[in-house]
Each structure stands twice: as structure tokens, then as C-alpha cells.
Amino acid sequence: GLSDANWIPFNEQELQFAINQNLPYLRGLNFALVDMLKGYG
């Protein structure tokens, strides 16, 4: 259950889009996970 996890995984397409649009300087990235920190970012 994702509701019990404190992170949200990106699928490959979403991650690739984020890299291409927002992080073009990253190369060779295998995967990334994002942890939403309430009130922090």
C-alpha cells in the first residue's frame, strides 16, 4: 500500500520528462525517488 509509504516513486517516463524539462544537466541517472516533506518541499 502506497498510503503507508513516505515516498512516491516516479515511473521511467515521468522521471525522464522531469529530467529533460527541469534537470537537463543530469546524465546517467538510473532512477530517483521523491519524498514529499510537508511544509518543507
PDB file of all heavy atoms in Angstrom:
ATOM      1  N   GLY A   1       0.811  -1.209   0.000  1.00  0.00           N
ATOM      2  CA  GLY A   1       0.000   0.000   0.000  1.00  0.00           C
ATOM      3  C   GLY A   1       0.845   1.260   0.000  1.00  0.00           C
ATOM      4  O   GLY A   1       1.625   1.485   0.907  1.00  0.00           O
ATOM      5  N   LEU A   2       0.715   2.077  -1.040  1.00  0.00           N
ATOM      6  CA  LEU A   2       1.471   3.325  -1.095  1.00  0.00           C
ATOM      7  C   LEU A   2       1.060   4.302  -0.004  1.00  0.00           C
ATOM      8  O   LEU A   2       1.820   5.173   0.364  1.00  0.00           O
ATOM      9  CB  LEU A   2       1.288   3.995  -2.458  1.00  0.00           C
ATOM     10  CG  LEU A   2       2.162   3.456  -3.578  1.00  0.00           C
ATOM     11  CD1 LEU A   2       1.825   4.137  -4.889  1.00  0.00           C
ATOM     12  CD2 LEU A   2       3.626   3.651  -3.259  1.00  0.00           C
ATOM     13  N   SER A   3      -0.151   4.135   0.526  1.00  0.00           N
ATOM     14  CA  SER A   3      -0.590   5.060   1.568  1.00  0.00           C
ATOM     15  C   SER A   3       0.266   4.928   2.821  1.00  0.00           C
ATOM     16  O   SER A   3       0.335   5.848   3.623  1.00  0.00           O
ATOM     17  CB  SER A   3      -2.057   4.801   1.911  1.00  0.00           C
ATOM     18  OG  SER A   3      -2.220   3.482   2.400  1.00  0.00           O
ATOM     19  N   ASP A   4       0.953   3.794   3.006  1.00  0.00           N
ATOM     20  CA  ASP A   4       1.810   3.597   4.169  1.00  0.00           C
ATOM     21  C   ASP A   4       3.237   4.066   3.927  1.00  0.00           C
ATOM     22  O   ASP A   4       4.034   4.122   4.837  1.00  0.00           O
ATOM     23  CB  ASP A   4       1.846   2.116   4.560  1.00  0.00           C
ATOM     24  CG  ASP A   4       0.486   1.624   5.022  1.00  0.00           C
ATOM     25  OD1 ASP A   4      -0.320   2.451   5.498  1.00  0.00           O
ATOM     26  OD2 ASP A   4       0.229   0.420   4.902  1.00  0.00           O
ATOM     27  N   ALA A   5       3.571   4.364   2.691  1.00  0.00           N
ATOM     28  CA  ALA A   5       4.934   4.756   2.363  1.00  0.00           C
ATOM     29  C   ALA A   5       5.099   6.267   2.523  1.00  0.00           C
ATOM     30  O   ALA A   5       4.144   7.007   2.420  1.00  0.00           O
ATOM     31  CB  ALA A   5       5.266   4.344   0.926  1.00  0.00           C
ATOM     32  N   ASN A   6       6.322   6.693   2.754  1.00  0.00           N
ATOM     33  CA  ASN A   6       6.576   8.123   2.883  1.00  0.00           C
ATOM     34  C   ASN A   6       7.289   8.668   1.657  1.00  0.00           C
ATOM     35  O   ASN A   6       7.934   9.688   1.709  1.00  0.00           O
ATOM     36  CB  ASN A   6       7.375   8.422   4.152  1.00  0.00           C
ATOM     37  CG  ASN A   6       8.739   7.774   4.133  1.00  0.00           C
ATOM     38  OD1 ASN A   6       9.114   7.135   3.161  1.00  0.00           O
ATOM     39  ND2 ASN A   6       9.467   7.930   5.220  1.00  0.00           N
ATOM     40  N   TRP A   7       7.196   7.979   0.530  1.00  0.00           N
ATOM     41  CA  TRP A   7       7.793   8.410  -0.717  1.00  0.00           C
ATOM     42  C   TRP A   7       6.877   8.017  -1.865  1.00  0.00           C
ATOM     43  O   TRP A   7       6.009   7.191  -1.716  1.00  0.00           O
ATOM     44  CB  TRP A   7       9.173   7.814  -0.916  1.00  0.00           C
ATOM     45  CG  TRP A   7       9.214   6.357  -0.614  1.00  0.00           C
ATOM     46  CD1 TRP A   7       9.636   5.767   0.539  1.00  0.00           C
ATOM     47  CD2 TRP A   7       8.756   5.282  -1.446  1.00  0.00           C
ATOM     48  NE1 TRP A   7       9.476   4.407   0.465  1.00  0.00           N
ATOM     49  CE2 TRP A   7       8.940   4.088  -0.738  1.00  0.00           C
ATOM     50  CE3 TRP A   7       8.209   5.233  -2.719  1.00  0.00           C
ATOM     51  CZ2 TRP A   7       8.601   2.856  -1.268  1.00  0.00           C
ATOM     52  CZ3 TRP A   7       7.865   3.988  -3.239  1.00  0.00           C
ATOM     53  CH2 TRP A   7       8.074   2.827  -2.513  1.00  0.00           C
ATOM     54  N   ILE A   8       7.107   8.631  -2.994  1.00  0.00           N
ATOM     55  CA  ILE A   8       6.321   8.344  -4.194  1.00  0.00           C
ATOM     56  C   ILE A   8       7.304   8.015  -5.309  1.00  0.00           C
ATOM     57  O   ILE A   8       8.145   8.843  -5.639  1.00  0.00           O
ATOM     58  CB  ILE A   8       5.468   9.556  -4.613  1.00  0.00           C
ATOM     59  CG1 ILE A   8       4.530   9.949  -3.472  1.00  0.00           C
ATOM     60  CG2 ILE A   8       4.692   9.267  -5.895  1.00  0.00           C
ATOM     61  CD1 ILE A   8       3.879  11.291  -3.665  1.00  0.00           C
ATOM     62  N   PRO A   9       7.256   6.817  -5.895  1.00  0.00           N
ATOM     63  CA  PRO A   9       8.186   6.507  -6.981  1.00  0.00           C
ATOM     64  C   PRO A   9       7.736   7.137  -8.293  1.00  0.00           C
ATOM     65  O   PRO A   9       6.550   7.250  -8.559  1.00  0.00           O
ATOM     66  CB  PRO A   9       8.124   4.988  -7.067  1.00  0.00           C
ATOM     67  CG  PRO A   9       6.757   4.655  -6.581  1.00  0.00           C
ATOM     68  CD  PRO A   9       6.404   5.689  -5.550  1.00  0.00           C
ATOM     69  N   PHE A  10       8.687   7.565  -9.090  1.00  0.00           N
ATOM     70  CA  PHE A  10       8.413   8.038 -10.437  1.00  0.00           C
ATOM     71  C   PHE A  10       8.514   6.860 -11.385  1.00  0.00           C
ATOM     72  O   PHE A  10       9.405   6.037 -11.236  1.00  0.00           O
ATOM     73  CB  PHE A  10       9.471   9.062 -10.877  1.00  0.00           C
ATOM     74  CG  PHE A  10       9.253  10.430 -10.341  1.00  0.00           C
ATOM     75  CD1 PHE A  10       9.938  10.862  -9.232  1.00  0.00           C
ATOM     76  CD2 PHE A  10       8.388  11.294 -10.977  1.00  0.00           C
ATOM     77  CE1 PHE A  10       9.759  12.134  -8.747  1.00  0.00           C
ATOM     78  CE2 PHE A  10       8.201  12.579 -10.508  1.00  0.00           C
ATOM     79  CZ  PHE A  10       8.892  13.000  -9.384  1.00  0.00           C
ATOM     80  N   ASN A  11       7.632   6.807 -12.388  1.00  0.00           N
ATOM     81  CA  ASN A  11       7.883   5.812 -13.424  1.00  0.00           C
ATOM     82  C   ASN A  11       8.925   6.391 -14.372  1.00  0.00           C
ATOM     83  O   ASN A  11       9.261   7.568 -14.315  1.00  0.00           O
ATOM     84  CB  ASN A  11       6.599   5.365 -14.138  1.00  0.00           C
ATOM     85  CG  ASN A  11       5.988   6.443 -14.999  1.00  0.00           C
ATOM     86  OD1 ASN A  11       6.669   7.249 -15.600  1.00  0.00           O
ATOM     87  ND2 ASN A  11       4.668   6.444 -15.065  1.00  0.00           N
ATOM     88  N   GLU A  12       9.459   5.554 -15.247  1.00  0.00           N
ATOM     89  CA  GLU A  12      10.564   5.971 -16.108  1.00  0.00           C
ATOM     90  C   GLU A  12      10.200   7.161 -16.990  1.00  0.00           C
ATOM     91  O   GLU A  12      10.993   8.093 -17.147  1.00  0.00           O
ATOM     92  CB  GLU A  12      10.992   4.793 -16.974  1.00  0.00           C
ATOM     93  CG  GLU A  12      12.216   5.060 -17.815  1.00  0.00           C
ATOM     94  CD  GLU A  12      12.644   3.839 -18.605  1.00  0.00           C
ATOM     95  OE1 GLU A  12      12.194   2.730 -18.285  1.00  0.00           O
ATOM     96  OE2 GLU A  12      13.411   4.020 -19.542  1.00  0.00           O
ATOM     97  N   GLN A  13       8.991   7.166 -17.531  1.00  0.00           N
ATOM     98  CA  GLN A  13       8.592   8.261 -18.420  1.00  0.00           C
ATOM     99  C   GLN A  13       8.473   9.582 -17.658  1.00  0.00           C
ATOM    100  O   GLN A  13       8.903  10.625 -18.148  1.00  0.00           O
ATOM    101  CB  GLN A  13       7.264   7.927 -19.120  1.00  0.00           C
ATOM    102  CG  GLN A  13       7.362   6.796 -20.120  1.00  0.00           C
ATOM    103  CD  GLN A  13       7.364   5.420 -19.445  1.00  0.00           C
ATOM    104  OE1 GLN A  13       6.977   5.272 -18.295  1.00  0.00           O
ATOM    105  NE2 GLN A  13       7.815   4.417 -20.167  1.00  0.00           N
ATOM    106  N   GLU A  14       7.878   9.544 -16.471  1.00  0.00           N
ATOM    107  CA  GLU A  14       7.753  10.762 -15.670  1.00  0.00           C
ATOM    108  C   GLU A  14       9.121  11.295 -15.267  1.00  0.00           C
ATOM    109  O   GLU A  14       9.370  12.498 -15.310  1.00  0.00           O
ATOM    110  CB  GLU A  14       6.914  10.485 -14.426  1.00  0.00           C
ATOM    111  CG  GLU A  14       5.460  10.203 -14.718  1.00  0.00           C
ATOM    112  CD  GLU A  14       4.733   9.668 -13.500  1.00  0.00           C
ATOM    113  OE1 GLU A  14       5.348   9.004 -12.657  1.00  0.00           O
ATOM    114  OE2 GLU A  14       3.526   9.923 -13.412  1.00  0.00           O
ATOM    115  N   LEU A  15      10.005  10.398 -14.881  1.00  0.00           N
ATOM    116  CA  LEU A  15      11.339  10.810 -14.482  1.00  0.00           C
ATOM    117  C   LEU A  15      12.097  11.397 -15.666  1.00  0.00           C
ATOM    118  O   LEU A  15      12.727  12.445 -15.547  1.00  0.00           O
ATOM    119  CB  LEU A  15      12.114   9.631 -13.893  1.00  0.00           C
ATOM    120  CG  LEU A  15      13.532   9.930 -13.457  1.00  0.00           C
ATOM    121  CD1 LEU A  15      13.572  11.051 -12.434  1.00  0.00           C
ATOM    122  CD2 LEU A  15      14.165   8.673 -12.905  1.00  0.00           C
ATOM    123  N   GLN A  16      12.017  10.723 -16.810  1.00  0.00           N
ATOM    124  CA  GLN A  16      12.702  11.234 -17.997  1.00  0.00           C
ATOM    125  C   GLN A  16      12.167  12.617 -18.378  1.00  0.00           C
ATOM    126  O   GLN A  16      12.929  13.518 -18.717  1.00  0.00           O
ATOM    127  CB  GLN A  16      12.550  10.271 -19.177  1.00  0.00           C
ATOM    128  CG  GLN A  16      13.407  10.633 -20.360  1.00  0.00           C
ATOM    129  CD  GLN A  16      14.890  10.590 -20.031  1.00  0.00           C
ATOM    130  OE1 GLN A  16      15.364   9.620 -19.471  1.00  0.00           O
ATOM    131  NE2 GLN A  16      15.612  11.638 -20.350  1.00  0.00           N
ATOM    132  N   PHE A  17      10.857  12.810 -18.306  1.00  0.00           N
ATOM    133  CA  PHE A  17      10.267  14.116 -18.601  1.00  0.00           C
ATOM    134  C   PHE A  17      10.803  15.170 -17.629  1.00  0.00           C
ATOM    135  O   PHE A  17      11.199  16.270 -18.037  1.00  0.00           O
ATOM    136  CB  PHE A  17       8.745  14.048 -18.529  1.00  0.00           C
ATOM    137  CG  PHE A  17       8.083  15.372 -18.787  1.00  0.00           C
ATOM    138  CD1 PHE A  17       7.936  15.849 -20.079  1.00  0.00           C
ATOM    139  CD2 PHE A  17       7.633  16.144 -17.734  1.00  0.00           C
ATOM    140  CE1 PHE A  17       7.339  17.083 -20.313  1.00  0.00           C
ATOM    141  CE2 PHE A  17       7.035  17.371 -17.947  1.00  0.00           C
ATOM    142  CZ  PHE A  17       6.890  17.844 -19.247  1.00  0.00           C
ATOM    143  N   ALA A  18      10.825  14.825 -16.330  1.00  0.00           N
ATOM    144  CA  ALA A  18      11.320  15.773 -15.328  1.00  0.00           C
ATOM    145  C   ALA A  18      12.774  16.124 -15.588  1.00  0.00           C
ATOM    146  O   ALA A  18      13.172  17.287 -15.482  1.00  0.00           O
ATOM    147  CB  ALA A  18      11.151  15.195 -13.925  1.00  0.00           C
ATOM    148  N   ILE A  19      13.576  15.123 -15.943  1.00  0.00           N
ATOM    149  CA  ILE A  19      14.987  15.385 -16.222  1.00  0.00           C
ATOM    150  C   ILE A  19      15.126  16.276 -17.453  1.00  0.00           C
ATOM    151  O   ILE A  19      15.850  17.267 -17.442  1.00  0.00           O
ATOM    152  CB  ILE A  19      15.756  14.066 -16.405  1.00  0.00           C
ATOM    153  CG1 ILE A  19      15.841  13.334 -15.057  1.00  0.00           C
ATOM    154  CG2 ILE A  19      17.156  14.308 -16.969  1.00  0.00           C
ATOM    155  CD1 ILE A  19      16.343  11.924 -15.170  1.00  0.00           C
ATOM    156  N   ASN A  20      14.431  15.910 -18.516  1.00  0.00           N
ATOM    157  CA  ASN A  20      14.542  16.684 -19.760  1.00  0.00           C
ATOM    158  C   ASN A  20      14.048  18.114 -19.603  1.00  0.00           C
ATOM    159  O   ASN A  20      14.623  19.035 -20.171  1.00  0.00           O
ATOM    160  CB  ASN A  20      13.767  16.000 -20.885  1.00  0.00           C
ATOM    161  CG  ASN A  20      14.434  14.731 -21.347  1.00  0.00           C
ATOM    162  OD1 ASN A  20      15.617  14.529 -21.117  1.00  0.00           O
ATOM    163  ND2 ASN A  20      13.675  13.869 -21.984  1.00  0.00           N
ATOM    164  N   GLN A  21      12.979  18.324 -18.859  1.00  0.00           N
ATOM    165  CA  GLN A  21      12.394  19.644 -18.719  1.00  0.00           C
ATOM    166  C   GLN A  21      13.061  20.496 -17.649  1.00  0.00           C
ATOM    167  O   GLN A  21      13.183  21.703 -17.801  1.00  0.00           O
ATOM    168  CB  GLN A  21      10.897  19.523 -18.405  1.00  0.00           C
ATOM    169  CG  GLN A  21      10.101  18.896 -19.515  1.00  0.00           C
ATOM    170  CD  GLN A  21      10.158  19.732 -20.784  1.00  0.00           C
ATOM    171  OE1 GLN A  21       9.947  20.935 -20.755  1.00  0.00           O
ATOM    172  NE2 GLN A  21      10.443  19.096 -21.903  1.00  0.00           N
ATOM    173  N   ASN A  22      13.450  19.873 -16.541  1.00  0.00           N
ATOM    174  CA  ASN A  22      13.877  20.647 -15.386  1.00  0.00           C
ATOM    175  C   ASN A  22      15.316  20.417 -14.947  1.00  0.00           C
ATOM    176  O   ASN A  22      15.895  21.251 -14.272  1.00  0.00           O
ATOM    177  CB  ASN A  22      12.959  20.350 -14.202  1.00  0.00           C
ATOM    178  CG  ASN A  22      11.514  20.632 -14.549  1.00  0.00           C
ATOM    179  OD1 ASN A  22      11.182  21.737 -14.925  1.00  0.00           O
ATOM    180  ND2 ASN A  22      10.661  19.638 -14.453  1.00  0.00           N
ATOM    181  N   LEU A  23      15.872  19.279 -15.289  1.00  0.00           N
ATOM    182  CA  LEU A  23      17.220  18.955 -14.829  1.00  0.00           C
ATOM    183  C   LEU A  23      18.088  18.494 -16.000  1.00  0.00           C
ATOM    184  O   LEU A  23      18.649  17.409 -15.982  1.00  0.00           O
ATOM    185  CB  LEU A  23      17.157  17.848 -13.762  1.00  0.00           C
ATOM    186  CG  LEU A  23      16.265  18.130 -12.559  1.00  0.00           C
ATOM    187  CD1 LEU A  23      16.084  16.880 -11.732  1.00  0.00           C
ATOM    188  CD2 LEU A  23      16.851  19.235 -11.705  1.00  0.00           C
ATOM    189  N   PRO A  24      18.249  19.308 -17.029  1.00  0.00           N
ATOM    190  CA  PRO A  24      18.958  18.852 -18.228  1.00  0.00           C
ATOM    191  C   PRO A  24      20.440  18.564 -18.010  1.00  0.00           C
ATOM    192  O   PRO A  24      21.060  17.914 -18.819  1.00  0.00           O
ATOM    193  CB  PRO A  24      18.764  20.005 -19.210  1.00  0.00           C
ATOM    194  CG  PRO A  24      18.513  21.189 -18.347  1.00  0.00           C
ATOM    195  CD  PRO A  24      17.786  20.673 -17.137  1.00  0.00           C
ATOM    196  N   TYR A  25      21.015  19.034 -16.903  1.00  0.00           N
ATOM    197  CA  TYR A  25      22.436  18.825 -16.664  1.00  0.00           C
ATOM    198  C   TYR A  25      22.743  17.449 -16.095  1.00  0.00           C
ATOM    199  O   TYR A  25      23.888  17.051 -16.003  1.00  0.00           O
ATOM    200  CB  TYR A  25      22.977  19.914 -15.727  1.00  0.00           C
ATOM    201  CG  TYR A  25      22.234  19.980 -14.423  1.00  0.00           C
ATOM    202  CD1 TYR A  25      22.649  19.256 -13.324  1.00  0.00           C
ATOM    203  CD2 TYR A  25      21.099  20.778 -14.292  1.00  0.00           C
ATOM    204  CE1 TYR A  25      21.946  19.311 -12.128  1.00  0.00           C
ATOM    205  CE2 TYR A  25      20.406  20.832 -13.106  1.00  0.00           C
ATOM    206  CZ  TYR A  25      20.839  20.091 -12.028  1.00  0.00           C
ATOM    207  OH  TYR A  25      20.151  20.137 -10.847  1.00  0.00           O
ATOM    208  N   LEU A  26      21.715  16.678 -15.680  1.00  0.00           N
ATOM    209  CA  LEU A  26      21.943  15.331 -15.142  1.00  0.00           C
ATOM    210  C   LEU A  26      22.081  14.332 -16.279  1.00  0.00           C
ATOM    211  O   LEU A  26      21.253  14.260 -17.166  1.00  0.00           O
ATOM    212  CB  LEU A  26      20.793  14.897 -14.229  1.00  0.00           C
ATOM    213  CG  LEU A  26      20.685  15.591 -12.890  1.00  0.00           C
ATOM    214  CD1 LEU A  26      19.480  15.082 -12.128  1.00  0.00           C
ATOM    215  CD2 LEU A  26      21.941  15.375 -12.070  1.00  0.00           C
ATOM    216  N   ARG A  27      23.101  13.527 -16.246  1.00  0.00           N
ATOM    217  CA  ARG A  27      23.306  12.477 -17.241  1.00  0.00           C
ATOM    218  C   ARG A  27      23.575  11.170 -16.490  1.00  0.00           C
ATOM    219  O   ARG A  27      24.159  11.168 -15.415  1.00  0.00           O
ATOM    220  CB  ARG A  27      24.504  12.787 -18.142  1.00  0.00           C
ATOM    221  CG  ARG A  27      24.325  14.044 -18.952  1.00  0.00           C
ATOM    222  CD  ARG A  27      23.327  13.810 -20.098  1.00  0.00           C
ATOM    223  NE  ARG A  27      23.205  15.007 -20.908  1.00  0.00           N
ATOM    224  CZ  ARG A  27      22.128  15.762 -20.929  1.00  0.00           C
ATOM    225  NH1 ARG A  27      21.096  15.469 -20.208  1.00  0.00           N
ATOM    226  NH2 ARG A  27      22.078  16.829 -21.692  1.00  0.00           N
ATOM    227  N   GLY A  28      23.173  10.074 -17.069  1.00  0.00           N
ATOM    228  CA  GLY A  28      23.469   8.772 -16.483  1.00  0.00           C
ATOM    229  C   GLY A  28      22.639   8.433 -15.263  1.00  0.00           C
ATOM    230  O   GLY A  28      23.014   7.571 -14.477  1.00  0.00           O
ATOM    231  N   LEU A  29      21.488   9.070 -15.097  1.00  0.00           N
ATOM    232  CA  LEU A  29      20.650   8.804 -13.939  1.00  0.00           C
ATOM    233  C   LEU A  29      19.920   7.484 -14.117  1.00  0.00           C
ATOM    234  O   LEU A  29      19.292   7.237 -15.136  1.00  0.00           O
ATOM    235  CB  LEU A  29      19.644   9.940 -13.753  1.00  0.00           C
ATOM    236  CG  LEU A  29      18.870   9.955 -12.445  1.00  0.00           C
ATOM    237  CD1 LEU A  29      19.819  10.119 -11.268  1.00  0.00           C
ATOM    238  CD2 LEU A  29      17.862  11.079 -12.447  1.00  0.00           C
ATOM    239  N   ASN A  30      20.019   6.593 -13.130  1.00  0.00           N
ATOM    240  CA  ASN A  30      19.377   5.286 -13.181  1.00  0.00           C
ATOM    241  C   ASN A  30      17.942   5.388 -12.675  1.00  0.00           C
ATOM    242  O   ASN A  30      17.024   4.912 -13.312  1.00  0.00           O
ATOM    243  CB  ASN A  30      20.164   4.275 -12.361  1.00  0.00           C
ATOM    244  CG  ASN A  30      19.831   2.849 -12.715  1.00  0.00           C
ATOM    245  OD1 ASN A  30      19.276   2.571 -13.759  1.00  0.00           O
ATOM    246  ND2 ASN A  30      20.185   1.940 -11.834  1.00  0.00           N
ATOM    247  N   PHE A  31      17.734   5.987 -11.514  1.00  0.00           N
ATOM    248  CA  PHE A  31      16.383   6.216 -11.005  1.00  0.00           C
ATOM    249  C   PHE A  31      16.416   7.258  -9.898  1.00  0.00           C
ATOM    250  O   PHE A  31      17.472   7.598  -9.387  1.00  0.00           O
ATOM    251  CB  PHE A  31      15.724   4.919 -10.502  1.00  0.00           C
ATOM    252  CG  PHE A  31      16.381   4.313  -9.305  1.00  0.00           C
ATOM    253  CD1 PHE A  31      16.030   4.694  -8.028  1.00  0.00           C
ATOM    254  CD2 PHE A  31      17.335   3.336  -9.460  1.00  0.00           C
ATOM    255  CE1 PHE A  31      16.629   4.125  -6.930  1.00  0.00           C
ATOM    256  CE2 PHE A  31      17.941   2.753  -8.362  1.00  0.00           C
ATOM    257  CZ  PHE A  31      17.585   3.148  -7.100  1.00  0.00           C
ATOM    258  N   ALA A  32      15.224   7.754  -9.557  1.00  0.00           N
ATOM    259  CA  ALA A  32      15.093   8.725  -8.479  1.00  0.00           C
ATOM    260  C   ALA A  32      13.782   8.478  -7.752  1.00  0.00           C
ATOM    261  O   ALA A  32      12.811   8.024  -8.345  1.00  0.00           O
ATOM    262  CB  ALA A  32      15.117  10.149  -9.031  1.00  0.00           C
ATOM    263  N   LEU A  33      13.782   8.744  -6.477  1.00  0.00           N
ATOM    264  CA  LEU A  33      12.573   8.690  -5.666  1.00  0.00           C
ATOM    265  C   LEU A  33      12.394  10.065  -5.051  1.00  0.00           C
ATOM    266  O   LEU A  33      13.363  10.756  -4.756  1.00  0.00           O
ATOM    267  CB  LEU A  33      12.690   7.645  -4.555  1.00  0.00           C
ATOM    268  CG  LEU A  33      12.885   6.199  -5.014  1.00  0.00           C
ATOM    269  CD1 LEU A  33      13.159   5.304  -3.819  1.00  0.00           C
ATOM    270  CD2 LEU A  33      11.663   5.715  -5.756  1.00  0.00           C
ATOM    271  N   VAL A  34      11.152  10.455  -4.846  1.00  0.00           N
ATOM    272  CA  VAL A  34      10.913  11.753  -4.232  1.00  0.00           C
ATOM    273  C   VAL A  34      10.138  11.539  -2.933  1.00  0.00           C
ATOM    274  O   VAL A  34       9.237  10.706  -2.855  1.00  0.00           O
ATOM    275  CB  VAL A  34      10.145  12.712  -5.181  1.00  0.00           C
ATOM    276  CG1 VAL A  34       8.760  12.217  -5.494  1.00  0.00           C
ATOM    277  CG2 VAL A  34      10.092  14.120  -4.596  1.00  0.00           C
ATOM    278  N   ASP A  35      10.545  12.258  -1.904  1.00  0.00           N
ATOM    279  CA  ASP A  35       9.900  12.210  -0.595  1.00  0.00           C
ATOM    280  C   ASP A  35       9.318  13.600  -0.358  1.00  0.00           C
ATOM    281  O   ASP A  35      10.050  14.579  -0.261  1.00  0.00           O
ATOM    282  CB  ASP A  35      10.942  11.869   0.463  1.00  0.00           C
ATOM    283  CG  ASP A  35      10.366  11.681   1.845  1.00  0.00           C
ATOM    284  OD1 ASP A  35       9.139  11.798   2.005  1.00  0.00           O
ATOM    285  OD2 ASP A  35      11.134  11.411   2.774  1.00  0.00           O
ATOM    286  N   MET A  36       7.991  13.695  -0.305  1.00  0.00           N
ATOM    287  CA  MET A  36       7.338  14.977  -0.081  1.00  0.00           C
ATOM    288  C   MET A  36       7.391  15.292   1.412  1.00  0.00           C
ATOM    289  O   MET A  36       6.855  14.536   2.224  1.00  0.00           O
ATOM    290  CB  MET A  36       5.892  14.939  -0.570  1.00  0.00           C
ATOM    291  CG  MET A  36       5.754  14.530  -2.034  1.00  0.00           C
ATOM    292  SD  MET A  36       6.739  15.501  -3.182  1.00  0.00           S
ATOM    293  CE  MET A  36       5.847  17.022  -3.175  1.00  0.00           C
ATOM    294  N   LEU A  37       8.044  16.363   1.763  1.00  0.00           N
ATOM    295  CA  LEU A  37       8.220  16.755   3.157  1.00  0.00           C
ATOM    296  C   LEU A  37       7.246  17.886   3.460  1.00  0.00           C
ATOM    297  O   LEU A  37       7.439  19.015   3.012  1.00  0.00           O
ATOM    298  CB  LEU A  37       9.662  17.194   3.398  1.00  0.00           C
ATOM    299  CG  LEU A  37      10.736  16.179   2.988  1.00  0.00           C
ATOM    300  CD1 LEU A  37      12.117  16.796   3.093  1.00  0.00           C
ATOM    301  CD2 LEU A  37      10.631  14.941   3.850  1.00  0.00           C
ATOM    302  N   LYS A  38       6.210  17.590   4.205  1.00  0.00           N
ATOM    303  CA  LYS A  38       5.150  18.560   4.479  1.00  0.00           C
ATOM    304  C   LYS A  38       5.722  19.853   5.054  1.00  0.00           C
ATOM    305  O   LYS A  38       6.467  19.847   6.014  1.00  0.00           O
ATOM    306  CB  LYS A  38       4.137  17.954   5.450  1.00  0.00           C
ATOM    307  CG  LYS A  38       2.952  18.835   5.692  1.00  0.00           C
ATOM    308  CD  LYS A  38       1.924  18.176   6.582  1.00  0.00           C
ATOM    309  CE  LYS A  38       0.749  19.084   6.781  1.00  0.00           C
ATOM    310  NZ  LYS A  38      -0.255  18.476   7.637  1.00  0.00           N
ATOM    311  N   GLY A  39       5.366  20.947   4.406  1.00  0.00           N
ATOM    312  CA  GLY A  39       5.809  22.253   4.850  1.00  0.00           C
ATOM    313  C   GLY A  39       7.263  22.561   4.546  1.00  0.00           C
ATOM    314  O   GLY A  39       7.777  23.593   4.935  1.00  0.00           O
ATOM    315  N   TYR A  40       7.945  21.663   3.846  1.00  0.00           N
ATOM    316  CA  TYR A  40       9.364  21.844   3.579  1.00  0.00           C
ATOM    317  C   TYR A  40       9.682  21.805   2.093  1.00  0.00           C
ATOM    318  O   TYR A  40      10.433  22.612   1.590  1.00  0.00           O
ATOM    319  CB  TYR A  40      10.160  20.762   4.316  1.00  0.00           C
ATOM    320  CG  TYR A  40      11.646  20.896   4.172  1.00  0.00           C
ATOM    321  CD1 TYR A  40      12.354  21.841   4.900  1.00  0.00           C
ATOM    322  CD2 TYR A  40      12.341  20.080   3.302  1.00  0.00           C
ATOM    323  CE1 TYR A  40      13.727  21.962   4.761  1.00  0.00           C
ATOM    324  CE2 TYR A  40      13.711  20.195   3.156  1.00  0.00           C
ATOM    325  CZ  TYR A  40      14.400  21.132   3.887  1.00  0.00           C
ATOM    326  OH  TYR A  40      15.751  21.255   3.740  1.00  0.00           O
ATOM    327  N   GLY A  41       9.129  20.845   1.380  1.00  0.00           N
ATOM    328  CA  GLY A  41       9.405  20.698  -0.045  1.00  0.00           C
ATOM    329  C   GLY A  41       9.529  19.242  -0.421  1.00  0.00           C
ATOM    330  O   GLY A  41       8.802  18.402   0.089  1.00  0.00           O
TER     331      GLY A  41
END
